[in-house]
């Protein structure tokens, strides 16, 4: 219930109470929460106050609305630390989730000027282009496009890229991936990305580009990914 004597705004108190009820399992992911009328009666506040609380929670990714149906509890976002370097498969395993992929494209082609520059390749060098949809517990999370130097991975096959590429490089090729530069940009999904990620057109996505190198300084990959912003978030520890 809300405390009308508290200096905290009532809509904020409602948000916190609803979050707590989600944490305890009273409201589970995918379930519809009570209507504005029911919540206004429950908390003894105006529907406008309830509407503000629910709108804030929709904007923050805790709830989502379906036109003509109601308001539902959203899936909890997956947290990805900005420290450390792991593959998508490793990330999901650490969270007890099943990682899987669907291969959309796998082909060998001449590197563009942009990709050749980032991979330190000469003219007419080839790269493998690998595009996959990444799933967590069978739900689409990201569209990932990877560029790999063909000279570094001459025996790369579709079967290999269906699994964890990092595990293949480190366990089969005995090469060590040392570090990566990662850039993150907020934008909206284009038509192609919307279809692959099963989200409405112009939904928010996180565009992430990762440029990785091996311990000897050899550029290893350029990865461009579009992550669903409603299912993924990045966290970072900052020290003074």
C-alpha atoms as a PDB file:
ATOM      1  CA  UNK A   1       0.000   0.000   0.000  1.00  0.00           C
ATOM      2  CA  UNK A   2       1.069   3.626  -0.403  1.00  0.00           C
ATOM      3  CA  UNK A   3       1.810   5.991   2.457  1.00  0.00           C
ATOM      4  CA  UNK A   4       0.129   9.288   1.650  1.00  0.00           C
ATOM      5  CA  UNK A   5       2.115  10.995   4.397  1.00  0.00           C
ATOM      6  CA  UNK A   6       5.425  10.010   2.822  1.00  0.00           C
ATOM      7  CA  UNK A   7       7.448  12.637   0.908  1.00  0.00           C
ATOM      8  CA  UNK A   8       7.888  10.029  -1.847  1.00  0.00           C
ATOM      9  CA  UNK A   9       5.448  10.563  -4.732  1.00  0.00           C
ATOM     10  CA  UNK A  10       2.604   8.058  -4.735  1.00  0.00           C
ATOM     11  CA  UNK A  11       3.307   6.916  -8.280  1.00  0.00           C
ATOM     12  CA  UNK A  12       6.876   6.075  -7.195  1.00  0.00           C
ATOM     13  CA  UNK A  13       5.596   4.084  -4.218  1.00  0.00           C
ATOM     14  CA  UNK A  14       3.294   2.143  -6.543  1.00  0.00           C
ATOM     15  CA  UNK A  15       6.189   1.378  -8.895  1.00  0.00           C
ATOM     16  CA  UNK A  16       8.305   0.050  -6.027  1.00  0.00           C
ATOM     17  CA  UNK A  17       5.450  -2.049  -4.667  1.00  0.00           C
ATOM     18  CA  UNK A  18       4.743  -3.585  -8.086  1.00  0.00           C
ATOM     19  CA  UNK A  19       8.448  -4.368  -8.558  1.00  0.00           C
ATOM     20  CA  UNK A  20       8.509  -6.075  -5.172  1.00  0.00           C
ATOM     21  CA  UNK A  21       5.460  -8.130  -6.098  1.00  0.00           C
ATOM     22  CA  UNK A  22       7.269  -9.176  -9.292  1.00  0.00           C
ATOM     23  CA  UNK A  23      10.357 -10.153  -7.297  1.00  0.00           C
ATOM     24  CA  UNK A  24       8.289 -12.364  -4.981  1.00  0.00           C
ATOM     25  CA  UNK A  25       6.634 -14.094  -7.935  1.00  0.00           C
ATOM     26  CA  UNK A  26       3.152 -12.679  -7.410  1.00  0.00           C
ATOM     27  CA  UNK A  27       3.368 -11.251 -10.933  1.00  0.00           C
ATOM     28  CA  UNK A  28       5.395 -13.422 -13.306  1.00  0.00           C
ATOM     29  CA  UNK A  29       6.866 -12.658 -16.711  1.00  0.00           C
ATOM     30  CA  UNK A  30       4.194 -12.756 -19.406  1.00  0.00           C
ATOM     31  CA  UNK A  31       1.298 -12.411 -16.949  1.00  0.00           C
ATOM     32  CA  UNK A  32      -1.173  -9.562 -17.177  1.00  0.00           C
ATOM     33  CA  UNK A  33      -1.249  -7.224 -14.184  1.00  0.00           C
ATOM     34  CA  UNK A  34      -4.519  -5.778 -12.792  1.00  0.00           C
ATOM     35  CA  UNK A  35      -6.171  -2.958 -14.706  1.00  0.00           C
ATOM     36  CA  UNK A  36      -5.730   0.728 -13.890  1.00  0.00           C
ATOM     37  CA  UNK A  37      -9.144   0.718 -12.230  1.00  0.00           C
ATOM     38  CA  UNK A  38      -8.301  -2.282 -10.066  1.00  0.00           C
ATOM     39  CA  UNK A  39      -4.940  -0.855  -9.069  1.00  0.00           C
ATOM     40  CA  UNK A  40      -6.399   2.568  -8.269  1.00  0.00           C
ATOM     41  CA  UNK A  41      -8.890   0.882  -5.939  1.00  0.00           C
ATOM     42  CA  UNK A  42      -6.186  -1.305  -4.409  1.00  0.00           C
ATOM     43  CA  UNK A  43      -3.862   1.623  -3.678  1.00  0.00           C
ATOM     44  CA  UNK A  44      -6.717   4.118  -3.034  1.00  0.00           C
ATOM     45  CA  UNK A  45      -5.319   6.639  -5.517  1.00  0.00           C
ATOM     46  CA  UNK A  46      -6.522   8.195  -8.759  1.00  0.00           C
ATOM     47  CA  UNK A  47      -6.256   6.328 -12.043  1.00  0.00           C
ATOM     48  CA  UNK A  48      -4.007   9.128 -13.296  1.00  0.00           C
ATOM     49  CA  UNK A  49      -1.487   8.301 -10.548  1.00  0.00           C
ATOM     50  CA  UNK A  50      -1.615   4.605 -11.450  1.00  0.00           C
ATOM     51  CA  UNK A  51      -1.263   5.424 -15.138  1.00  0.00           C
ATOM     52  CA  UNK A  52       1.877   7.453 -14.458  1.00  0.00           C
ATOM     53  CA  UNK A  53       3.409   4.591 -12.472  1.00  0.00           C
ATOM     54  CA  UNK A  54       2.617   2.052 -15.188  1.00  0.00           C
ATOM     55  CA  UNK A  55       3.900   4.319 -17.965  1.00  0.00           C
ATOM     56  CA  UNK A  56       7.193   4.753 -16.107  1.00  0.00           C
ATOM     57  CA  UNK A  57       7.492   0.975 -15.705  1.00  0.00           C
ATOM     58  CA  UNK A  58       6.774   0.430 -19.405  1.00  0.00           C
ATOM     59  CA  UNK A  59       9.444   2.966 -20.308  1.00  0.00           C
ATOM     60  CA  UNK A  60      11.895   1.277 -17.928  1.00  0.00           C
ATOM     61  CA  UNK A  61      11.224  -2.164 -19.399  1.00  0.00           C
ATOM     62  CA  UNK A  62       9.403  -3.750 -16.445  1.00  0.00           C
ATOM     63  CA  UNK A  63       6.035  -3.872 -18.206  1.00  0.00           C
ATOM     64  CA  UNK A  64       4.761  -3.899 -21.781  1.00  0.00           C
ATOM     65  CA  UNK A  65       1.361  -3.108 -23.263  1.00  0.00           C
ATOM     66  CA  UNK A  66      -0.619  -4.999 -25.877  1.00  0.00           C
ATOM     67  CA  UNK A  67      -3.307  -2.957 -27.566  1.00  0.00           C
ATOM     68  CA  UNK A  68      -6.775  -4.177 -26.702  1.00  0.00           C
ATOM     69  CA  UNK A  69      -5.499  -6.724 -24.192  1.00  0.00           C
ATOM     70  CA  UNK A  70      -3.794  -5.080 -21.252  1.00  0.00           C
ATOM     71  CA  UNK A  71      -0.448  -4.556 -19.547  1.00  0.00           C
ATOM     72  CA  UNK A  72       1.915  -7.468 -18.952  1.00  0.00           C
ATOM     73  CA  UNK A  73       5.071  -8.215 -16.974  1.00  0.00           C
ATOM     74  CA  UNK A  74       8.131  -8.079 -19.213  1.00  0.00           C
ATOM     75  CA  UNK A  75      10.924 -10.636 -19.227  1.00  0.00           C
ATOM     76  CA  UNK A  76      13.801  -9.645 -16.976  1.00  0.00           C
ATOM     77  CA  UNK A  77      16.679  -8.103 -18.926  1.00  0.00           C
ATOM     78  CA  UNK A  78      19.917  -9.997 -19.215  1.00  0.00           C
ATOM     79  CA  UNK A  79      22.772  -8.067 -17.619  1.00  0.00           C
ATOM     80  CA  UNK A  80      26.074  -8.013 -19.482  1.00  0.00           C
ATOM     81  CA  UNK A  81      29.080  -6.631 -17.564  1.00  0.00           C
ATOM     82  CA  UNK A  82      31.248  -4.284 -19.581  1.00  0.00           C
ATOM     83  CA  UNK A  83      34.323  -5.735 -17.866  1.00  0.00           C
ATOM     84  CA  UNK A  84      35.793  -8.985 -19.144  1.00  0.00           C
ATOM     85  CA  UNK A  85      35.517 -10.603 -22.541  1.00  0.00           C
ATOM     86  CA  UNK A  86      33.234 -13.556 -23.097  1.00  0.00           C
ATOM     87  CA  UNK A  87      31.311 -14.994 -26.004  1.00  0.00           C
ATOM     88  CA  UNK A  88      27.526 -14.992 -26.202  1.00  0.00           C
ATOM     89  CA  UNK A  89      27.508 -18.738 -25.528  1.00  0.00           C
ATOM     90  CA  UNK A  90      29.657 -18.274 -22.415  1.00  0.00           C
ATOM     91  CA  UNK A  91      27.430 -15.417 -21.205  1.00  0.00           C
ATOM     92  CA  UNK A  92      24.302 -17.532 -21.402  1.00  0.00           C
ATOM     93  CA  UNK A  93      25.923 -20.558 -19.757  1.00  0.00           C
ATOM     94  CA  UNK A  94      26.947 -18.387 -16.801  1.00  0.00           C
ATOM     95  CA  UNK A  95      23.293 -17.403 -16.373  1.00  0.00           C
ATOM     96  CA  UNK A  96      21.988 -20.950 -16.606  1.00  0.00           C
ATOM     97  CA  UNK A  97      20.333 -20.205 -19.940  1.00  0.00           C
ATOM     98  CA  UNK A  98      20.456 -22.271 -23.109  1.00  0.00           C
ATOM     99  CA  UNK A  99      22.350 -20.494 -25.870  1.00  0.00           C
ATOM    100  CA  UNK A 100      21.616 -21.331 -29.493  1.00  0.00           C
ATOM    101  CA  UNK A 101      22.039 -19.769 -32.907  1.00  0.00           C
ATOM    102  CA  UNK A 102      20.475 -19.833 -36.338  1.00  0.00           C
ATOM    103  CA  UNK A 103      22.902 -19.322 -39.187  1.00  0.00           C
ATOM    104  CA  UNK A 104      21.619 -16.863 -41.767  1.00  0.00           C
ATOM    105  CA  UNK A 105      24.719 -16.406 -43.891  1.00  0.00           C
ATOM    106  CA  UNK A 106      28.157 -18.024 -44.177  1.00  0.00           C
ATOM    107  CA  UNK A 107      30.323 -17.086 -47.121  1.00  0.00           C
ATOM    108  CA  UNK A 108      33.848 -16.218 -48.139  1.00  0.00           C
ATOM    109  CA  UNK A 109      34.163 -12.865 -49.870  1.00  0.00           C
ATOM    110  CA  UNK A 110      36.630 -10.038 -50.556  1.00  0.00           C
ATOM    111  CA  UNK A 111      36.983  -7.700 -47.596  1.00  0.00           C
ATOM    112  CA  UNK A 112      35.553  -4.218 -47.947  1.00  0.00           C
ATOM    113  CA  UNK A 113      37.920  -1.304 -47.402  1.00  0.00           C
ATOM    114  CA  UNK A 114      36.420  -0.685 -43.948  1.00  0.00           C
ATOM    115  CA  UNK A 115      36.732  -4.296 -42.763  1.00  0.00           C
ATOM    116  CA  UNK A 116      40.183  -4.753 -44.322  1.00  0.00           C
ATOM    117  CA  UNK A 117      41.404  -1.700 -42.421  1.00  0.00           C
ATOM    118  CA  UNK A 118      40.039  -2.945 -39.094  1.00  0.00           C
ATOM    119  CA  UNK A 119      41.529  -6.427 -39.636  1.00  0.00           C
ATOM    120  CA  UNK A 120      44.852  -5.085 -40.962  1.00  0.00           C
ATOM    121  CA  UNK A 121      44.438  -6.996 -44.232  1.00  0.00           C
ATOM    122  CA  UNK A 122      46.032  -6.250 -47.572  1.00  0.00           C
ATOM    123  CA  UNK A 123      44.259  -5.592 -50.850  1.00  0.00           C
ATOM    124  CA  UNK A 124      42.227  -8.471 -52.290  1.00  0.00           C
ATOM    125  CA  UNK A 125      42.249 -10.303 -48.938  1.00  0.00           C
ATOM    126  CA  UNK A 126      39.263 -12.523 -48.190  1.00  0.00           C
ATOM    127  CA  UNK A 127      37.150 -12.669 -45.064  1.00  0.00           C
ATOM    128  CA  UNK A 128      34.485 -15.024 -43.845  1.00  0.00           C
ATOM    129  CA  UNK A 129      31.146 -13.307 -43.284  1.00  0.00           C
ATOM    130  CA  UNK A 130      29.065 -15.057 -40.640  1.00  0.00           C
ATOM    131  CA  UNK A 131      25.596 -13.803 -39.756  1.00  0.00           C
ATOM    132  CA  UNK A 132      23.592 -15.444 -37.004  1.00  0.00           C
ATOM    133  CA  UNK A 133      20.533 -14.893 -34.862  1.00  0.00           C
ATOM    134  CA  UNK A 134      21.476 -15.432 -31.236  1.00  0.00           C
ATOM    135  CA  UNK A 135      18.894 -17.050 -28.925  1.00  0.00           C
ATOM    136  CA  UNK A 136      18.658 -17.351 -25.145  1.00  0.00           C
ATOM    137  CA  UNK A 137      16.235 -20.076 -24.033  1.00  0.00           C
ATOM    138  CA  UNK A 138      14.945 -20.137 -27.638  1.00  0.00           C
ATOM    139  CA  UNK A 139      14.076 -16.408 -27.648  1.00  0.00           C
ATOM    140  CA  UNK A 140      15.854 -14.130 -30.159  1.00  0.00           C
ATOM    141  CA  UNK A 141      18.292 -11.767 -28.470  1.00  0.00           C
ATOM    142  CA  UNK A 142      20.546 -10.390 -31.192  1.00  0.00           C
ATOM    143  CA  UNK A 143      21.449 -10.340 -34.862  1.00  0.00           C
ATOM    144  CA  UNK A 144      25.202 -10.777 -35.108  1.00  0.00           C
ATOM    145  CA  UNK A 145      27.395 -10.216 -38.177  1.00  0.00           C
ATOM    146  CA  UNK A 146      31.012 -11.337 -37.858  1.00  0.00           C
ATOM    147  CA  UNK A 147      33.953 -10.755 -40.211  1.00  0.00           C
ATOM    148  CA  UNK A 148      36.954 -13.106 -39.845  1.00  0.00           C
ATOM    149  CA  UNK A 149      40.266 -13.159 -41.770  1.00  0.00           C
ATOM    150  CA  UNK A 150      40.227 -16.176 -44.071  1.00  0.00           C
ATOM    151  CA  UNK A 151      44.022 -16.417 -43.789  1.00  0.00           C
ATOM    152  CA  UNK A 152      43.733 -16.916 -40.032  1.00  0.00           C
ATOM    153  CA  UNK A 153      40.898 -19.453 -40.196  1.00  0.00           C
ATOM    154  CA  UNK A 154      41.328 -21.235 -43.554  1.00  0.00           C
ATOM    155  CA  UNK A 155      39.404 -24.352 -42.468  1.00  0.00           C
ATOM    156  CA  UNK A 156      36.396 -22.562 -40.994  1.00  0.00           C
ATOM    157  CA  UNK A 157      33.099 -24.336 -41.742  1.00  0.00           C
ATOM    158  CA  UNK A 158      29.411 -23.807 -41.121  1.00  0.00           C
ATOM    159  CA  UNK A 159      29.500 -26.548 -38.502  1.00  0.00           C
ATOM    160  CA  UNK A 160      32.187 -24.727 -36.522  1.00  0.00           C
ATOM    161  CA  UNK A 161      30.415 -21.373 -36.487  1.00  0.00           C
ATOM    162  CA  UNK A 162      27.202 -23.037 -35.323  1.00  0.00           C
ATOM    163  CA  UNK A 163      28.934 -23.496 -31.957  1.00  0.00           C
ATOM    164  CA  UNK A 164      31.207 -21.216 -29.956  1.00  0.00           C
ATOM    165  CA  UNK A 165      33.815 -19.625 -32.210  1.00  0.00           C
ATOM    166  CA  UNK A 166      35.910 -18.546 -29.221  1.00  0.00           C
ATOM    167  CA  UNK A 167      36.118 -22.114 -27.943  1.00  0.00           C
ATOM    168  CA  UNK A 168      37.181 -23.305 -31.395  1.00  0.00           C
ATOM    169  CA  UNK A 169      39.940 -20.698 -31.690  1.00  0.00           C
ATOM    170  CA  UNK A 170      41.310 -21.326 -28.208  1.00  0.00           C
ATOM    171  CA  UNK A 171      40.842 -25.095 -27.941  1.00  0.00           C
ATOM    172  CA  UNK A 172      41.365 -26.270 -31.524  1.00  0.00           C
ATOM    173  CA  UNK A 173      43.740 -23.655 -32.935  1.00  0.00           C
ATOM    174  CA  UNK A 174      45.568 -23.021 -29.641  1.00  0.00           C
ATOM    175  CA  UNK A 175      45.352 -19.261 -30.128  1.00  0.00           C
ATOM    176  CA  UNK A 176      44.435 -16.874 -27.322  1.00  0.00           C
ATOM    177  CA  UNK A 177      42.087 -13.934 -27.706  1.00  0.00           C
ATOM    178  CA  UNK A 178      43.541 -11.181 -25.551  1.00  0.00           C
ATOM    179  CA  UNK A 179      41.315  -8.119 -25.730  1.00  0.00           C
ATOM    180  CA  UNK A 180      38.716  -6.190 -27.681  1.00  0.00           C
ATOM    181  CA  UNK A 181      37.530  -2.664 -28.253  1.00  0.00           C
ATOM    182  CA  UNK A 182      33.764  -2.417 -27.933  1.00  0.00           C
ATOM    183  CA  UNK A 183      31.525   0.434 -29.046  1.00  0.00           C
ATOM    184  CA  UNK A 184      27.859   0.706 -28.074  1.00  0.00           C
ATOM    185  CA  UNK A 185      25.241   2.888 -29.746  1.00  0.00           C
ATOM    186  CA  UNK A 186      21.491   3.189 -29.161  1.00  0.00           C
ATOM    187  CA  UNK A 187      19.245   3.218 -32.229  1.00  0.00           C
ATOM    188  CA  UNK A 188      16.088   1.611 -33.662  1.00  0.00           C
ATOM    189  CA  UNK A 189      15.787  -1.652 -35.553  1.00  0.00           C
ATOM    190  CA  UNK A 190      15.470  -1.549 -39.331  1.00  0.00           C
ATOM    191  CA  UNK A 191      12.922  -3.739 -41.128  1.00  0.00           C
ATOM    192  CA  UNK A 192      15.344  -6.648 -41.544  1.00  0.00           C
ATOM    193  CA  UNK A 193      16.415  -6.609 -37.896  1.00  0.00           C
ATOM    194  CA  UNK A 194      12.811  -6.284 -36.693  1.00  0.00           C
ATOM    195  CA  UNK A 195      11.799  -9.450 -38.527  1.00  0.00           C
ATOM    196  CA  UNK A 196      14.776 -11.464 -37.327  1.00  0.00           C
ATOM    197  CA  UNK A 197      14.397 -10.331 -33.704  1.00  0.00           C
ATOM    198  CA  UNK A 198      10.597 -10.685 -33.736  1.00  0.00           C
ATOM    199  CA  UNK A 199      10.009  -7.133 -32.488  1.00  0.00           C
ATOM    200  CA  UNK A 200       7.833  -4.308 -33.854  1.00  0.00           C
ATOM    201  CA  UNK A 201       9.385  -2.040 -36.453  1.00  0.00           C
ATOM    202  CA  UNK A 202      11.513   0.776 -35.044  1.00  0.00           C
ATOM    203  CA  UNK A 203      11.937  -0.968 -31.689  1.00  0.00           C
ATOM    204  CA  UNK A 204      14.943   0.132 -29.653  1.00  0.00           C
ATOM    205  CA  UNK A 205      18.128  -1.868 -30.184  1.00  0.00           C
ATOM    206  CA  UNK A 206      21.708  -1.614 -28.973  1.00  0.00           C
ATOM    207  CA  UNK A 207      24.233  -1.600 -31.808  1.00  0.00           C
ATOM    208  CA  UNK A 208      27.491  -3.088 -30.587  1.00  0.00           C
ATOM    209  CA  UNK A 209      30.719  -3.325 -32.549  1.00  0.00           C
ATOM    210  CA  UNK A 210      33.562  -5.433 -31.153  1.00  0.00           C
ATOM    211  CA  UNK A 211      37.063  -5.492 -32.648  1.00  0.00           C
ATOM    212  CA  UNK A 212      39.146  -8.303 -31.119  1.00  0.00           C
ATOM    213  CA  UNK A 213      42.857  -9.127 -31.259  1.00  0.00           C
ATOM    214  CA  UNK A 214      44.987 -12.145 -30.320  1.00  0.00           C
ATOM    215  CA  UNK A 215      47.836 -12.039 -27.787  1.00  0.00           C
ATOM    216  CA  UNK A 216      50.374 -11.409 -30.556  1.00  0.00           C
ATOM    217  CA  UNK A 217      48.426  -8.345 -31.688  1.00  0.00           C
ATOM    218  CA  UNK A 218      46.855  -9.993 -34.746  1.00  0.00           C
ATOM    219  CA  UNK A 219      43.319  -8.673 -35.418  1.00  0.00           C
ATOM    220  CA  UNK A 220      40.944 -11.595 -35.062  1.00  0.00           C
ATOM    221  CA  UNK A 221      37.415 -10.408 -35.726  1.00  0.00           C
ATOM    222  CA  UNK A 222      35.026  -7.545 -36.321  1.00  0.00           C
ATOM    223  CA  UNK A 223      31.570  -8.215 -34.908  1.00  0.00           C
ATOM    224  CA  UNK A 224      28.566  -5.970 -35.494  1.00  0.00           C
ATOM    225  CA  UNK A 225      25.491  -6.896 -33.446  1.00  0.00           C
ATOM    226  CA  UNK A 226      22.002  -5.519 -32.890  1.00  0.00           C
ATOM    227  CA  UNK A 227      20.717  -6.501 -29.430  1.00  0.00           C
ATOM    228  CA  UNK A 228      17.113  -6.177 -28.299  1.00  0.00           C
ATOM    229  CA  UNK A 229      17.069  -3.263 -25.863  1.00  0.00           C
ATOM    230  CA  UNK A 230      14.026  -4.726 -24.099  1.00  0.00           C
ATOM    231  CA  UNK A 231      15.962  -7.906 -23.197  1.00  0.00           C
ATOM    232  CA  UNK A 232      19.547  -6.761 -22.749  1.00  0.00           C
ATOM    233  CA  UNK A 233      21.349  -4.167 -20.669  1.00  0.00           C
ATOM    234  CA  UNK A 234      24.977  -3.409 -19.876  1.00  0.00           C
ATOM    235  CA  UNK A 235      26.354  -2.764 -16.396  1.00  0.00           C
ATOM    236  CA  UNK A 236      29.708  -1.481 -15.220  1.00  0.00           C
ATOM    237  CA  UNK A 237      31.552  -1.103 -11.917  1.00  0.00           C
ATOM    238  CA  UNK A 238      33.220   2.300 -11.668  1.00  0.00           C
ATOM    239  CA  UNK A 239      35.928   3.064  -9.134  1.00  0.00           C
ATOM    240  CA  UNK A 240      37.209   6.455  -8.064  1.00  0.00           C
END
